[in-house]
Protein backbone atom coordinates (compact mmCIF):
# COMPACT_ATOMS: atom_id res chain seq x y z
CA MET A 1 6.79 -11.94 2.92
CA ASP A 2 10.22 -12.37 4.19
CA ASP A 3 10.98 -8.65 3.70
CA THR A 4 10.39 -5.57 6.04
CA ILE A 5 7.40 -3.32 4.21
CA LEU A 6 9.72 -0.80 3.30
CA GLU A 7 12.23 -3.26 1.53
CA THR A 8 9.34 -4.66 -0.54
CA VAL A 9 7.96 -1.23 -1.76
CA LYS A 10 11.51 0.02 -2.16
CA ARG A 11 12.31 -2.80 -4.53
CA MET A 12 8.99 -2.33 -6.42
CA LEU A 13 10.13 1.51 -6.93
CA GLY A 14 13.23 0.29 -8.28
CA ILE A 15 15.34 1.38 -5.18
CA ALA A 16 18.23 -0.67 -3.91
CA ASN A 17 17.83 -1.69 -0.31
CA GLU A 18 21.20 -0.30 0.67
CA THR A 19 20.03 3.34 -0.90
CA THR A 20 18.57 4.89 2.24
CA GLU A 21 18.76 8.43 1.27
CA PHE A 22 14.60 8.46 0.34
CA ASP A 23 13.35 5.90 3.24
CA ILE A 24 12.07 8.74 5.28
CA ASP A 25 9.99 10.02 2.23
CA ILE A 26 9.09 6.28 1.22
CA ARG A 27 7.87 5.38 4.83
CA THR A 28 5.88 8.79 5.20
CA ASN A 29 4.19 7.89 1.65
CA ILE A 30 3.32 4.48 2.95
CA ASN A 31 2.34 5.53 6.40
CA ALA A 32 -0.22 8.04 4.52
CA ALA A 33 -1.22 4.88 2.28
CA PHE A 34 -1.89 3.02 5.35
CA PHE A 35 -4.27 5.62 6.88
CA ALA A 36 -6.13 5.89 3.64
CA LEU A 37 -6.34 1.89 4.16
CA HIS A 38 -7.63 2.41 7.86
CA GLN A 39 -10.35 5.06 6.74
CA ILE A 40 -12.02 2.37 4.36
CA GLY A 41 -11.83 -0.05 7.03
CA VAL A 42 -8.76 -2.24 5.88
CA GLY A 43 -6.32 -3.21 8.50
CA PRO A 44 -6.22 -3.22 12.48
CA ASP A 45 -8.72 -1.07 14.60
CA THR A 46 -6.06 1.79 15.11
CA PRO A 47 -4.09 3.43 12.05
CA PHE A 48 -1.08 1.33 11.36
CA ASN A 49 2.37 3.21 11.00
CA ILE A 50 5.77 1.54 9.88
CA ASP A 51 9.20 2.07 10.70
CA GLU A 52 12.31 0.74 9.00
CA ASP A 53 11.72 -2.62 10.19
CA THR A 54 8.16 -3.27 10.32
CA MET A 55 7.50 -6.65 8.68
CA TRP A 56 4.17 -7.73 7.01
CA ASP A 57 3.21 -10.09 9.50
CA GLU A 58 2.77 -7.26 11.50
CA PHE A 59 -0.06 -5.84 9.61
CA ASP A 60 -3.22 -7.55 10.28
CA THR A 61 -5.87 -7.19 7.72
CA GLN A 62 -8.92 -9.22 6.33
CA VAL A 63 -8.07 -8.58 2.95
CA PRO A 64 -5.28 -10.44 0.51
CA LYS A 65 -1.83 -8.88 1.35
CA SER A 66 -1.04 -8.73 -2.29
CA MET A 67 -3.98 -6.01 -2.82
CA VAL A 68 -2.21 -4.19 0.18
CA LEU A 69 0.93 -4.26 -1.19
CA ASP A 70 -0.22 -3.00 -4.76
CA TYR A 71 -2.19 -0.19 -3.07
CA LEU A 72 1.01 0.63 -1.03
CA TYR A 73 3.00 0.71 -4.16
CA LEU A 74 0.92 2.74 -6.27
CA LYS A 75 0.27 5.36 -3.73
CA THR A 76 3.72 5.66 -3.14
CA LYS A 77 4.84 6.13 -6.57
CA LEU A 78 2.53 8.76 -7.51
CA ILE A 79 3.43 10.50 -4.72
CA PHE A 80 7.24 9.86 -4.71
CA ASP A 81 7.83 9.39 -8.55
CA PRO A 82 4.76 10.14 -10.67
CA PRO A 83 4.93 8.90 -13.93
CA GLN A 84 5.09 11.49 -16.77
CA SER A 85 2.31 10.27 -18.84
CA SER A 86 -1.16 11.52 -18.07
CA ASN A 87 -2.19 8.03 -19.60
CA VAL A 88 -0.19 6.25 -16.86
CA MET A 89 -1.31 8.55 -14.24
CA GLU A 90 -4.80 7.81 -14.88
CA ALA A 91 -4.14 4.33 -15.26
CA TYR A 92 -2.59 4.05 -12.19
CA LYS A 93 -5.43 6.08 -10.03
CA ASP A 94 -7.86 3.78 -11.97
CA ARG A 95 -6.29 0.75 -10.17
CA LEU A 96 -6.11 2.93 -7.05
CA SER A 97 -9.80 3.20 -7.18
CA GLU A 98 -10.64 -0.46 -7.94
CA LEU A 99 -8.66 -1.61 -5.16
CA GLU A 100 -10.09 0.82 -2.82
CA PHE A 101 -13.60 -0.55 -3.99
CA ARG A 102 -12.61 -4.22 -3.67
CA MET A 103 -11.09 -4.23 -0.26
CA SER A 104 -14.09 -2.00 1.10
CA VAL A 105 -16.29 -4.88 -0.56
CA THR A 106 -14.11 -7.42 1.16
CA VAL A 107 -14.32 -5.72 4.58
CA ASP A 108 -17.58 -4.95 4.13
CA ASN A 109 -18.86 -8.79 3.76
CA GLY A 110 -16.65 -9.64 6.61
CA ASN A 111 -15.34 -13.11 5.18
CA GLY A 112 -12.89 -11.91 2.88
CA VAL A 113 -14.77 -12.88 -0.27
CA ILE A 114 -15.36 -10.14 -2.81
CA THR A 115 -18.81 -10.81 -4.41
CA GLY A 116 -20.24 -8.87 -7.27
């Protein structure tokens, strides 16, 4: 991925890169999501935090980056721009739970292969 982590999540949220008014809010939510990932064993040994210039290759992880991106997007979306529909909210929460489970299994296996 050639974009910064912030740029990628902003694009997924439907926010133009030139729009910077919400960057601190979005970065705070991304960093909270990275801390949650750290607590389940995903990523480096110390909690990972981003700034506006942090690139994807700076986040070292044993799980696919696509799963991390999906997780960061959903965690940020739920706080920054929550859906109005309770059904959509539940679907997002279910997806987050699934991602957490699959990433923790990957970390526990130590080989990046999800079993079961």
